[in-house]
PDB file of N, CA and C in Angstrom:
ATOM      1  N   ARG A   1      34.296  -3.449 -37.870  1.00  0.00           N
ATOM      2  CA  ARG A   1      33.311  -4.426 -37.691  1.00  0.00           C
ATOM      3  C   ARG A   1      32.834  -2.741 -36.739  1.00  0.00           C
ATOM      4  N   ARG A   2      31.470  -3.316 -36.049  1.00  0.00           N
ATOM      5  CA  ARG A   2      30.856  -1.950 -35.939  1.00  0.00           C
ATOM      6  C   ARG A   2      30.809  -2.595 -34.323  1.00  0.00           C
ATOM      7  N   GLY A   3      31.694  -1.988 -34.036  1.00  0.00           N
ATOM      8  CA  GLY A   3      31.143  -2.008 -31.865  1.00  0.00           C
ATOM      9  C   GLY A   3      30.222  -0.723 -31.139  1.00  0.00           C
ATOM     10  N   ASP A   4      29.978  -0.310 -32.299  1.00  0.00           N
ATOM     11  CA  ASP A   4      29.651   1.031 -31.126  1.00  0.00           C
ATOM     12  C   ASP A   4      28.054   1.143 -31.249  1.00  0.00           C
ATOM     13  N   GLN A   5      27.297   0.514 -31.674  1.00  0.00           N
ATOM     14  CA  GLN A   5      26.144   0.059 -31.545  1.00  0.00           C
ATOM     15  C   GLN A   5      25.763  -1.411 -29.803  1.00  0.00           C
ATOM     16  N   GLY A   6      24.518  -0.760 -29.938  1.00  0.00           N
ATOM     17  CA  GLY A   6      24.106  -1.903 -28.677  1.00  0.00           C
ATOM     18  C   GLY A   6      23.592  -1.267 -27.644  1.00  0.00           C
ATOM     19  N   PRO A   7      22.918  -2.616 -26.796  1.00  0.00           N
ATOM     20  CA  PRO A   7      21.996  -1.925 -25.523  1.00  0.00           C
ATOM     21  C   PRO A   7      23.225  -1.730 -24.705  1.00  0.00           C
ATOM     22  N   ASN A   8      22.632  -0.822 -23.592  1.00  0.00           N
ATOM     23  CA  ASN A   8      24.034  -0.227 -22.518  1.00  0.00           C
ATOM     24  C   ASN A   8      24.335  -2.169 -21.524  1.00  0.00           C
ATOM     25  N   GLU A   9      25.767  -1.100 -21.375  1.00  0.00           N
ATOM     26  CA  GLU A   9      25.890  -2.326 -20.319  1.00  0.00           C
ATOM     27  C   GLU A   9      26.630  -3.976 -21.060  1.00  0.00           C
ATOM     28  N   VAL A  10      26.681  -3.724 -22.122  1.00  0.00           N
ATOM     29  CA  VAL A  10      27.049  -5.395 -22.444  1.00  0.00           C
ATOM     30  C   VAL A  10      29.060  -4.894 -23.280  1.00  0.00           C
ATOM     31  N   GLY A  11      29.401  -3.670 -22.813  1.00  0.00           N
ATOM     32  CA  GLY A  11      31.135  -4.108 -23.360  1.00  0.00           C
ATOM     33  C   GLY A  11      31.709  -3.219 -24.394  1.00  0.00           C
ATOM     34  N   LYS A  12      30.621  -2.074 -24.659  1.00  0.00           N
ATOM     35  CA  LYS A  12      30.919  -1.226 -25.746  1.00  0.00           C
ATOM     36  C   LYS A  12      32.044  -0.338 -25.396  1.00  0.00           C
ATOM     37  N   SER A  13      31.979   0.371 -24.285  1.00  0.00           N
ATOM     38  CA  SER A  13      33.523   1.176 -23.663  1.00  0.00           C
ATOM     39  C   SER A  13      34.085   0.153 -23.244  1.00  0.00           C
ATOM     40  N   SER A  14      34.394  -0.947 -23.417  1.00  0.00           N
ATOM     41  CA  SER A  14      35.576  -1.967 -23.281  1.00  0.00           C
ATOM     42  C   SER A  14      36.233  -2.034 -24.827  1.00  0.00           C
ATOM     43  N   ILE A  15      35.431  -2.227 -25.657  1.00  0.00           N
ATOM     44  CA  ILE A  15      36.066  -2.385 -27.081  1.00  0.00           C
ATOM     45  C   ILE A  15      36.843  -1.133 -27.316  1.00  0.00           C
ATOM     46  N   ALA A  16      36.198  -0.331 -27.120  1.00  0.00           N
ATOM     47  CA  ALA A  16      36.958   1.484 -27.060  1.00  0.00           C
ATOM     48  C   ALA A  16      38.031   1.302 -26.548  1.00  0.00           C
ATOM     49  N   GLU A  17      38.090   0.834 -25.221  1.00  0.00           N
ATOM     50  CA  GLU A  17      39.234   0.511 -24.489  1.00  0.00           C
ATOM     51  C   GLU A  17      41.074   0.075 -24.892  1.00  0.00           C
ATOM     52  N   ALA A  18      40.142  -1.289 -25.625  1.00  0.00           N
ATOM     53  CA  ALA A  18      41.063  -1.777 -26.373  1.00  0.00           C
ATOM     54  C   ALA A  18      41.853  -2.296 -27.581  1.00  0.00           C
ATOM     55  N   LEU A  19      40.727  -0.702 -28.483  1.00  0.00           N
ATOM     56  CA  LEU A  19      41.180  -0.577 -29.414  1.00  0.00           C
ATOM     57  C   LEU A  19      42.195   0.644 -29.158  1.00  0.00           C
ATOM     58  N   ASP A  20      42.193   1.455 -28.007  1.00  0.00           N
ATOM     59  CA  ASP A  20      43.003   2.868 -27.461  1.00  0.00           C
ATOM     60  C   ASP A  20      44.146   2.355 -27.005  1.00  0.00           C
ATOM     61  N   LEU A  21      44.422   1.224 -26.455  1.00  0.00           N
ATOM     62  CA  LEU A  21      45.444   0.551 -26.208  1.00  0.00           C
ATOM     63  C   LEU A  21      46.062  -0.540 -27.224  1.00  0.00           C
ATOM     64  N   LEU A  22      45.973  -1.230 -28.343  1.00  0.00           N
ATOM     65  CA  LEU A  22      46.106  -1.575 -29.315  1.00  0.00           C
ATOM     66  C   LEU A  22      46.777  -0.551 -30.015  1.00  0.00           C
ATOM     67  N   PHE A  23      45.743   0.320 -30.452  1.00  0.00           N
ATOM     68  CA  PHE A  23      46.310   1.601 -31.606  1.00  0.00           C
ATOM     69  C   PHE A  23      47.410   2.865 -30.409  1.00  0.00           C
ATOM     70  N   GLN A  24      47.187   3.048 -29.548  1.00  0.00           N
ATOM     71  CA  GLN A  24      48.090   4.219 -28.750  1.00  0.00           C
ATOM     72  C   GLN A  24      49.447   3.605 -28.191  1.00  0.00           C
ATOM     73  N   PHE A  25      49.489   2.457 -27.905  1.00  0.00           N
ATOM     74  CA  PHE A  25      50.788   1.999 -27.288  1.00  0.00           C
ATOM     75  C   PHE A  25      51.695   0.665 -27.105  1.00  0.00           C
ATOM     76  N   LYS A  26      52.718   1.042 -27.748  1.00  0.00           N
ATOM     77  CA  LYS A  26      53.467  -0.278 -27.828  1.00  0.00           C
ATOM     78  C   LYS A  26      53.294  -1.478 -26.227  1.00  0.00           C
ATOM     79  N   ASP A  27      53.581  -2.165 -27.193  1.00  0.00           N
ATOM     80  CA  ASP A  27      53.473  -3.386 -26.136  1.00  0.00           C
ATOM     81  C   ASP A  27      53.907  -3.686 -25.053  1.00  0.00           C
ATOM     82  N   SER A  28      55.060  -2.574 -25.035  1.00  0.00           N
ATOM     83  CA  SER A  28      56.454  -2.576 -24.149  1.00  0.00           C
ATOM     84  C   SER A  28      56.306  -1.292 -22.701  1.00  0.00           C
ATOM     85  N   SER A  29      55.196  -0.791 -23.904  1.00  0.00           N
ATOM     86  CA  SER A  29      54.734   0.713 -22.592  1.00  0.00           C
ATOM     87  C   SER A  29      54.485   0.248 -21.362  1.00  0.00           C
ATOM     88  N   GLN A  30      54.678   0.963 -20.086  1.00  0.00           N
ATOM     89  CA  GLN A  30      54.603   1.340 -18.578  1.00  0.00           C
ATOM     90  C   GLN A  30      53.705   2.323 -18.662  1.00  0.00           C
ATOM     91  N   HIS A  31      53.083   3.191 -19.954  1.00  0.00           N
ATOM     92  CA  HIS A  31      51.510   3.586 -18.857  1.00  0.00           C
ATOM     93  C   HIS A  31      50.579   3.351 -18.294  1.00  0.00           C
ATOM     94  N   ARG A  32      50.138   3.480 -17.777  1.00  0.00           N
ATOM     95  CA  ARG A  32      49.159   3.741 -16.420  1.00  0.00           C
ATOM     96  C   ARG A  32      48.001   3.091 -16.809  1.00  0.00           C
ATOM     97  N   ALA A  33      47.493   3.725 -18.850  1.00  0.00           N
ATOM     98  CA  ALA A  33      46.197   2.946 -18.822  1.00  0.00           C
ATOM     99  C   ALA A  33      46.948   1.117 -19.167  1.00  0.00           C
ATOM    100  N   VAL A  34      47.882   1.131 -19.796  1.00  0.00           N
ATOM    101  CA  VAL A  34      48.694  -0.482 -19.663  1.00  0.00           C
ATOM    102  C   VAL A  34      48.846  -1.237 -18.786  1.00  0.00           C
ATOM    103  N   LYS A  35      49.341  -0.388 -17.731  1.00  0.00           N
ATOM    104  CA  LYS A  35      49.607  -1.163 -16.342  1.00  0.00           C
ATOM    105  C   LYS A  35      48.316  -1.526 -16.195  1.00  0.00           C
ATOM    106  N   GLY A  36      47.409  -0.597 -15.723  1.00  0.00           N
ATOM    107  CA  GLY A  36      46.315  -0.973 -15.668  1.00  0.00           C
ATOM    108  C   GLY A  36      45.324  -2.443 -15.744  1.00  0.00           C
ATOM    109  N   THR A  37      45.966  -2.948 -17.117  1.00  0.00           N
ATOM    110  CA  THR A  37      45.082  -4.149 -17.508  1.00  0.00           C
ATOM    111  C   THR A  37      45.740  -5.192 -17.146  1.00  0.00           C
ATOM    112  N   ILE A  38      47.524  -4.821 -16.370  1.00  0.00           N
ATOM    113  CA  ILE A  38      47.928  -6.213 -16.053  1.00  0.00           C
ATOM    114  C   ILE A  38      47.211  -6.947 -14.780  1.00  0.00           C
ATOM    115  N   PRO A  39      47.106  -8.238 -14.777  1.00  0.00           N
ATOM    116  CA  PRO A  39      46.029  -8.834 -13.432  1.00  0.00           C
ATOM    117  C   PRO A  39      47.342  -9.343 -12.258  1.00  0.00           C
ATOM    118  N   VAL A  40      47.760  -8.673 -11.306  1.00  0.00           N
ATOM    119  CA  VAL A  40      48.244  -8.428 -10.247  1.00  0.00           C
ATOM    120  C   VAL A  40      48.490  -9.613  -9.114  1.00  0.00           C
ATOM    121  N   ASP A  41      47.274 -10.736  -9.479  1.00  0.00           N
ATOM    122  CA  ASP A  41      47.469 -11.185  -8.444  1.00  0.00           C
ATOM    123  C   ASP A  41      47.131 -12.961  -9.798  1.00  0.00           C
ATOM    124  N   ARG A  42      47.153 -13.151 -10.860  1.00  0.00           N
ATOM    125  CA  ARG A  42      47.594 -13.668 -12.408  1.00  0.00           C
ATOM    126  C   ARG A  42      48.876 -14.092 -12.639  1.00  0.00           C
ATOM    127  N   ASP A  43      49.466 -14.749 -13.332  1.00  0.00           N
ATOM    128  CA  ASP A  43      50.659 -14.749 -13.799  1.00  0.00           C
ATOM    129  C   ASP A  43      49.706 -14.723 -15.276  1.00  0.00           C
ATOM    130  N   GLU A  44      49.055 -14.043 -15.834  1.00  0.00           N
ATOM    131  CA  GLU A  44      48.668 -13.807 -17.029  1.00  0.00           C
ATOM    132  C   GLU A  44      48.679 -12.421 -18.040  1.00  0.00           C
ATOM    133  N   SER A  45      48.985 -12.440 -19.096  1.00  0.00           N
ATOM    134  CA  SER A  45      49.533 -10.794 -19.528  1.00  0.00           C
ATOM    135  C   SER A  45      48.666 -10.831 -20.391  1.00  0.00           C
ATOM    136  N   PRO A  46      47.325  -9.709 -20.556  1.00  0.00           N
ATOM    137  CA  PRO A  46      46.248  -9.104 -21.427  1.00  0.00           C
ATOM    138  C   PRO A  46      46.781  -9.166 -22.573  1.00  0.00           C
ATOM    139  N   GLU A  47      45.741  -9.660 -23.648  1.00  0.00           N
ATOM    140  CA  GLU A  47      45.948  -9.426 -24.992  1.00  0.00           C
ATOM    141  C   GLU A  47      44.556  -8.788 -25.782  1.00  0.00           C
ATOM    142  N   VAL A  48      45.129  -8.008 -26.556  1.00  0.00           N
ATOM    143  CA  VAL A  48      44.434  -7.524 -27.493  1.00  0.00           C
ATOM    144  C   VAL A  48      43.998  -7.278 -29.083  1.00  0.00           C
ATOM    145  N   GLU A  49      43.206  -8.051 -29.618  1.00  0.00           N
ATOM    146  CA  GLU A  49      43.720  -9.136 -31.251  1.00  0.00           C
ATOM    147  C   GLU A  49      42.029  -8.454 -31.947  1.00  0.00           C
ATOM    148  N   PHE A  50      41.906  -7.362 -32.832  1.00  0.00           N
ATOM    149  CA  PHE A  50      40.815  -7.290 -33.732  1.00  0.00           C
ATOM    150  C   PHE A  50      41.588  -7.497 -35.208  1.00  0.00           C
ATOM    151  N   GLU A  51      40.081  -7.878 -36.186  1.00  0.00           N
ATOM    152  CA  GLU A  51      39.884  -7.808 -36.954  1.00  0.00           C
ATOM    153  C   GLU A  51      39.733  -6.173 -37.841  1.00  0.00           C
ATOM    154  N   ILE A  52      40.248  -5.644 -38.664  1.00  0.00           N
ATOM    155  CA  ILE A  52      39.238  -4.755 -39.503  1.00  0.00           C
ATOM    156  C   ILE A  52      39.935  -4.463 -40.131  1.00  0.00           C
ATOM    157  N   GLU A  53      38.400  -3.012 -40.759  1.00  0.00           N
ATOM    158  CA  GLU A  53      38.336  -3.057 -42.530  1.00  0.00           C
ATOM    159  C   GLU A  53      38.161  -1.566 -42.043  1.00  0.00           C
ATOM    160  N   SER A  54      39.436  -0.949 -42.423  1.00  0.00           N
ATOM    161  CA  SER A  54      39.391   0.476 -43.067  1.00  0.00           C
ATOM    162  C   SER A  54      39.988   1.254 -44.432  1.00  0.00           C
ATOM    163  N   GLY A  55      39.132   2.115 -44.739  1.00  0.00           N
ATOM    164  CA  GLY A  55      39.178   2.612 -46.391  1.00  0.00           C
ATOM    165  C   GLY A  55      39.885   1.328 -46.890  1.00  0.00           C
ATOM    166  N   LYS A  56      40.865   1.066 -47.603  1.00  0.00           N
ATOM    167  CA  LYS A  56      41.365  -0.302 -48.735  1.00  0.00           C
ATOM    168  C   LYS A  56      41.678  -1.607 -47.872  1.00  0.00           C
ATOM    169  N   TYR A  57      41.916  -1.186 -46.539  1.00  0.00           N
ATOM    170  CA  TYR A  57      42.442  -2.070 -45.947  1.00  0.00           C
ATOM    171  C   TYR A  57      41.991  -3.292 -45.006  1.00  0.00           C
ATOM    172  N   HIS A  58      42.525  -4.361 -45.169  1.00  0.00           N
ATOM    173  CA  HIS A  58      41.943  -4.882 -44.860  1.00  0.00           C
ATOM    174  C   HIS A  58      42.659  -5.716 -43.539  1.00  0.00           C
ATOM    175  N   PHE A  59      42.709  -6.247 -42.112  1.00  0.00           N
ATOM    176  CA  PHE A  59      43.784  -6.899 -41.162  1.00  0.00           C
ATOM    177  C   PHE A  59      43.421  -7.180 -39.868  1.00  0.00           C
ATOM    178  N   VAL A  60      44.296  -8.158 -39.868  1.00  0.00           N
ATOM    179  CA  VAL A  60      44.164  -8.193 -38.334  1.00  0.00           C
ATOM    180  C   VAL A  60      45.576  -7.718 -37.364  1.00  0.00           C
ATOM    181  N   TYR A  61      44.823  -7.213 -36.056  1.00  0.00           N
ATOM    182  CA  TYR A  61      45.612  -6.391 -35.437  1.00  0.00           C
ATOM    183  C   TYR A  61      46.123  -7.186 -33.861  1.00  0.00           C
ATOM    184  N   ARG A  62      47.129  -7.811 -33.069  1.00  0.00           N
ATOM    185  CA  ARG A  62      47.265  -8.011 -31.667  1.00  0.00           C
ATOM    186  C   ARG A  62      48.145  -7.490 -31.345  1.00  0.00           C
ATOM    187  N   LYS A  63      47.969  -7.410 -30.440  1.00  0.00           N
ATOM    188  CA  LYS A  63      48.921  -7.011 -29.069  1.00  0.00           C
ATOM    189  C   LYS A  63      49.166  -8.514 -27.554  1.00  0.00           C
ATOM    190  N   ARG A  64      50.544  -8.311 -27.124  1.00  0.00           N
ATOM    191  CA  ARG A  64      50.403  -8.706 -25.826  1.00  0.00           C
ATOM    192  C   ARG A  64      50.959  -7.894 -25.894  1.00  0.00           C
ATOM    193  N   PHE A  65      50.468  -7.191 -23.777  1.00  0.00           N
ATOM    194  CA  PHE A  65      51.469  -6.812 -22.982  1.00  0.00           C
ATOM    195  C   PHE A  65      51.680  -7.558 -21.663  1.00  0.00           C
ATOM    196  N   GLY A  66      52.828  -6.795 -20.948  1.00  0.00           N
ATOM    197  CA  GLY A  66      53.255  -7.494 -19.668  1.00  0.00           C
ATOM    198  C   GLY A  66      53.818  -8.625 -19.992  1.00  0.00           C
ATOM    199  N   LYS A  67      54.354  -9.877 -19.342  1.00  0.00           N
ATOM    200  CA  LYS A  67      55.185 -10.303 -20.021  1.00  0.00           C
ATOM    201  C   LYS A  67      55.164 -11.179 -21.432  1.00  0.00           C
ATOM    202  N   GLY A  68      55.753 -11.561 -21.988  1.00  0.00           N
ATOM    203  CA  GLY A  68      55.816 -12.201 -23.150  1.00  0.00           C
ATOM    204  C   GLY A  68      55.158 -11.244 -24.254  1.00  0.00           C
ATOM    205  N   THR A  69      56.121  -9.832 -24.490  1.00  0.00           N
ATOM    206  CA  THR A  69      55.276  -9.232 -24.941  1.00  0.00           C
ATOM    207  C   THR A  69      55.039  -9.135 -26.717  1.00  0.00           C
ATOM    208  N   ARG A  70      54.545  -8.886 -26.994  1.00  0.00           N
ATOM    209  CA  ARG A  70      53.896  -9.461 -28.349  1.00  0.00           C
ATOM    210  C   ARG A  70      53.270  -8.211 -29.343  1.00  0.00           C
ATOM    211  N   THR A  71      53.617  -7.927 -30.785  1.00  0.00           N
ATOM    212  CA  THR A  71      52.697  -7.329 -31.856  1.00  0.00           C
ATOM    213  C   THR A  71      52.348  -7.413 -32.904  1.00  0.00           C
ATOM    214  N   GLU A  72      51.554  -8.261 -32.874  1.00  0.00           N
ATOM    215  CA  GLU A  72      51.242  -9.010 -35.109  1.00  0.00           C
ATOM    216  C   GLU A  72      50.452  -8.268 -35.826  1.00  0.00           C
ATOM    217  N   LEU A  73      50.254  -7.488 -37.429  1.00  0.00           N
ATOM    218  CA  LEU A  73      50.001  -7.441 -38.084  1.00  0.00           C
ATOM    219  C   LEU A  73      49.932  -7.666 -38.805  1.00  0.00           C
ATOM    220  N   GLU A  74      48.810  -8.910 -39.652  1.00  0.00           N
ATOM    221  CA  GLU A  74      48.352  -9.636 -40.584  1.00  0.00           C
ATOM    222  C   GLU A  74      47.933  -8.526 -41.603  1.00  0.00           C
ATOM    223  N   VAL A  75      48.386  -8.279 -42.515  1.00  0.00           N
ATOM    224  CA  VAL A  75      47.360  -7.418 -43.616  1.00  0.00           C
ATOM    225  C   VAL A  75      47.512  -8.566 -44.829  1.00  0.00           C
ATOM    226  N   SER A  76      45.521  -8.739 -45.233  1.00  0.00           N
ATOM    227  CA  SER A  76      45.307  -9.441 -46.007  1.00  0.00           C
ATOM    228  C   SER A  76      44.549  -8.354 -47.606  1.00  0.00           C
ATOM    229  N   GLN A  77      44.138  -7.586 -47.445  1.00  0.00           N
ATOM    230  CA  GLN A  77      43.985  -6.622 -48.442  1.00  0.00           C
ATOM    231  C   GLN A  77      45.071  -4.775 -48.157  1.00  0.00           C
ATOM    232  N   PRO A  78      44.835  -4.369 -49.131  1.00  0.00           N
ATOM    233  CA  PRO A  78      44.818  -4.506 -50.111  1.00  0.00           C
ATOM    234  C   PRO A  78      46.017  -5.558 -50.983  1.00  0.00           C
ATOM    235  N   ARG A  79      47.188  -5.845 -50.049  1.00  0.00           N
ATOM    236  CA  ARG A  79      48.233  -6.605 -50.473  1.00  0.00           C
ATOM    237  C   ARG A  79      48.087  -7.061 -48.831  1.00  0.00           C
ATOM    238  N   PRO A  80      49.341  -8.321 -49.705  1.00  0.00           N
ATOM    239  CA  PRO A  80      49.332  -9.212 -48.169  1.00  0.00           C
ATOM    240  C   PRO A  80      50.498  -8.656 -47.210  1.00  0.00           C
ATOM    241  N   GLU A  81      50.830  -8.382 -45.948  1.00  0.00           N
ATOM    242  CA  GLU A  81      51.649  -7.732 -45.568  1.00  0.00           C
ATOM    243  C   GLU A  81      51.658  -8.056 -44.289  1.00  0.00           C
ATOM    244  N   SER A  82      53.133  -8.969 -43.635  1.00  0.00           N
ATOM    245  CA  SER A  82      53.246  -9.611 -42.628  1.00  0.00           C
ATOM    246  C   SER A  82      54.403  -8.782 -41.484  1.00  0.00           C
ATOM    247  N   LEU A  83      53.859  -7.827 -40.227  1.00  0.00           N
ATOM    248  CA  LEU A  83      54.628  -7.838 -39.860  1.00  0.00           C
ATOM    249  C   LEU A  83      54.494  -7.833 -37.955  1.00  0.00           C
ATOM    250  N   THR A  84      55.884  -7.808 -37.656  1.00  0.00           N
ATOM    251  CA  THR A  84      55.785  -8.378 -35.939  1.00  0.00           C
ATOM    252  C   THR A  84      56.714  -6.962 -34.963  1.00  0.00           C
ATOM    253  N   GLY A  85      56.439  -6.836 -34.071  1.00  0.00           N
ATOM    254  CA  GLY A  85      57.582  -5.609 -33.102  1.00  0.00           C
ATOM    255  C   GLY A  85      56.852  -4.316 -33.722  1.00  0.00           C
ATOM    256  N   ASP A  86      57.811  -3.702 -33.761  1.00  0.00           N
ATOM    257  CA  ASP A  86      57.762  -2.017 -33.926  1.00  0.00           C
ATOM    258  C   ASP A  86      57.272  -1.991 -35.474  1.00  0.00           C
ATOM    259  N   ALA A  87      57.461  -2.522 -36.299  1.00  0.00           N
ATOM    260  CA  ALA A  87      57.129  -2.521 -37.521  1.00  0.00           C
ATOM    261  C   ALA A  87      55.765  -2.504 -37.594  1.00  0.00           C
ATOM    262  N   ALA A  88      55.737  -3.489 -37.170  1.00  0.00           N
ATOM    263  CA  ALA A  88      53.454  -4.099 -37.249  1.00  0.00           C
ATOM    264  C   ALA A  88      53.189  -2.162 -36.359  1.00  0.00           C
ATOM    265  N   HIS A  89      53.812  -2.213 -34.877  1.00  0.00           N
ATOM    266  CA  HIS A  89      52.563  -0.719 -34.293  1.00  0.00           C
ATOM    267  C   HIS A  89      53.085   0.370 -35.211  1.00  0.00           C
ATOM    268  N   GLU A  90      53.675   0.540 -36.195  1.00  0.00           N
ATOM    269  CA  GLU A  90      54.499   1.845 -36.975  1.00  0.00           C
ATOM    270  C   GLU A  90      53.487   1.676 -38.259  1.00  0.00           C
ATOM    271  N   ARG A  91      52.932   0.295 -38.503  1.00  0.00           N
ATOM    272  CA  ARG A  91      52.624   0.009 -39.678  1.00  0.00           C
ATOM    273  C   ARG A  91      50.693   0.366 -39.571  1.00  0.00           C
ATOM    274  N   ALA A  92      50.506  -0.269 -38.121  1.00  0.00           N
ATOM    275  CA  ALA A  92      49.475   0.152 -37.858  1.00  0.00           C
ATOM    276  C   ALA A  92      48.919   1.306 -37.864  1.00  0.00           C
ATOM    277  N   GLU A  93      49.926   2.375 -37.830  1.00  0.00           N
ATOM    278  CA  GLU A  93      49.501   3.927 -37.628  1.00  0.00           C
ATOM    279  C   GLU A  93      49.274   4.596 -38.649  1.00  0.00           C
ATOM    280  N   GLN A  94      50.005   3.947 -39.401  1.00  0.00           N
ATOM    281  CA  GLN A  94      50.571   4.456 -41.011  1.00  0.00           C
ATOM    282  C   GLN A  94      48.655   4.285 -41.307  1.00  0.00           C
ATOM    283  N   ILE A  95      48.371   2.707 -41.243  1.00  0.00           N
ATOM    284  CA  ILE A  95      47.001   2.642 -41.895  1.00  0.00           C
ATOM    285  C   ILE A  95      45.732   3.809 -41.772  1.00  0.00           C
ATOM    286  N   LEU A  96      45.990   3.259 -40.194  1.00  0.00           N
ATOM    287  CA  LEU A  96      44.943   4.493 -39.946  1.00  0.00           C
ATOM    288  C   LEU A  96      45.399   5.674 -40.114  1.00  0.00           C
ATOM    289  N   GLU A  97      46.593   6.749 -40.475  1.00  0.00           N
ATOM    290  CA  GLU A  97      46.612   8.195 -40.169  1.00  0.00           C
ATOM    291  C   GLU A  97      46.085   8.391 -42.067  1.00  0.00           C
ATOM    292  N   GLU A  98      46.229   7.341 -42.472  1.00  0.00           N
ATOM    293  CA  GLU A  98      45.656   7.295 -44.023  1.00  0.00           C
ATOM    294  C   GLU A  98      43.999   7.143 -44.794  1.00  0.00           C
ATOM    295  N   THR A  99      43.531   6.124 -43.536  1.00  0.00           N
ATOM    296  CA  THR A  99      42.223   6.004 -43.716  1.00  0.00           C
ATOM    297  C   THR A  99      41.219   7.142 -42.903  1.00  0.00           C
ATOM    298  N   LEU A 100      41.853   6.715 -42.124  1.00  0.00           N
ATOM    299  CA  LEU A 100      41.256   7.673 -40.815  1.00  0.00           C
ATOM    300  C   LEU A 100      41.770   9.366 -40.604  1.00  0.00           C
ATOM    301  N   ASP A 101      40.358   9.987 -39.639  1.00  0.00           N
ATOM    302  CA  ASP A 101      40.710  11.289 -38.979  1.00  0.00           C
ATOM    303  C   ASP A 101      40.789  11.085 -37.771  1.00  0.00           C
ATOM    304  N   VAL A 102      42.449  10.509 -37.849  1.00  0.00           N
ATOM    305  CA  VAL A 102      42.662  10.219 -36.143  1.00  0.00           C
ATOM    306  C   VAL A 102      42.398  11.419 -35.000  1.00  0.00           C
ATOM    307  N   GLY A 103      42.316  12.926 -35.443  1.00  0.00           N
ATOM    308  CA  GLY A 103      42.688  13.909 -34.374  1.00  0.00           C
ATOM    309  C   GLY A 103      40.841  13.986 -33.788  1.00  0.00           C
ATOM    310  N   LEU A 104      39.788  13.397 -35.033  1.00  0.00           N
ATOM    311  CA  LEU A 104      38.095  13.353 -34.682  1.00  0.00           C
ATOM    312  C   LEU A 104      38.409  11.693 -34.310  1.00  0.00           C
ATOM    313  N   TRP A 105      39.143  10.889 -33.713  1.00  0.00           N
ATOM    314  CA  TRP A 105      38.789   9.540 -33.578  1.00  0.00           C
ATOM    315  C   TRP A 105      38.818   9.692 -32.169  1.00  0.00           C
ATOM    316  N   ARG A 106      40.519  10.292 -31.874  1.00  0.00           N
ATOM    317  CA  ARG A 106      40.901  11.255 -30.237  1.00  0.00           C
ATOM    318  C   ARG A 106      40.001  11.549 -30.039  1.00  0.00           C
ATOM    319  N   ALA A 107      39.186  12.663 -29.981  1.00  0.00           N
ATOM    320  CA  ALA A 107      38.192  13.599 -29.982  1.00  0.00           C
ATOM    321  C   ALA A 107      37.158  12.678 -29.320  1.00  0.00           C
ATOM    322  N   LEU A 108      36.628  11.729 -30.209  1.00  0.00           N
ATOM    323  CA  LEU A 108      35.351  11.334 -29.617  1.00  0.00           C
ATOM    324  C   LEU A 108      35.958  10.053 -28.493  1.00  0.00           C
ATOM    325  N   GLN A 109      36.714   9.742 -28.637  1.00  0.00           N
ATOM    326  CA  GLN A 109      37.817   8.586 -27.339  1.00  0.00           C
ATOM    327  C   GLN A 109      37.173   9.641 -26.195  1.00  0.00           C
ATOM    328  N   VAL A 110      37.536  10.753 -25.881  1.00  0.00           N
ATOM    329  CA  VAL A 110      38.004  11.536 -24.717  1.00  0.00           C
ATOM    330  C   VAL A 110      36.359  12.148 -24.166  1.00  0.00           C
ATOM    331  N   ASP A 111      35.438  12.499 -25.355  1.00  0.00           N
ATOM    332  CA  ASP A 111      34.360  12.445 -24.996  1.00  0.00           C
ATOM    333  C   ASP A 111      33.280  11.467 -24.262  1.00  0.00           C
ATOM    334  N   GLN A 112      34.332  10.212 -25.219  1.00  0.00           N
ATOM    335  CA  GLN A 112      33.195   8.891 -24.437  1.00  0.00           C
ATOM    336  C   GLN A 112      33.596   8.304 -22.728  1.00  0.00           C
ATOM    337  N   GLY A 113      35.234   9.306 -22.943  1.00  0.00           N
ATOM    338  CA  GLY A 113      35.496   9.161 -21.251  1.00  0.00           C
ATOM    339  C   GLY A 113      36.449   7.693 -21.623  1.00  0.00           C
ATOM    340  N   VAL A 114      37.241   7.374 -23.005  1.00  0.00           N
ATOM    341  CA  VAL A 114      37.873   6.569 -23.228  1.00  0.00           C
ATOM    342  C   VAL A 114      39.874   6.724 -22.550  1.00  0.00           C
TER     343      VAL A 114
END
């Protein structure tokens, strides 16, 4: 889905940050970027979910950080796959590496301050 277009101050940077959390960190990560999303005054855990098309793949990828960590990957194209936990994280990384110039993606994130 295209999240790079639209007026200023509508959340495009938040989308980029959420994608970064989803693909870069495992749900159990203690990295400061992950910890920074966990509310300190509420008993809630941040969740990120995206429906993505990349190359020949169409999939839904979701994670919950903090309490009740969870990672799920549901691939519908080119063939159905359903994975959870570290296997889902690793498979999502494989799909990105196969269909995207990951180095360029990271460079664009740094350029935009994500």
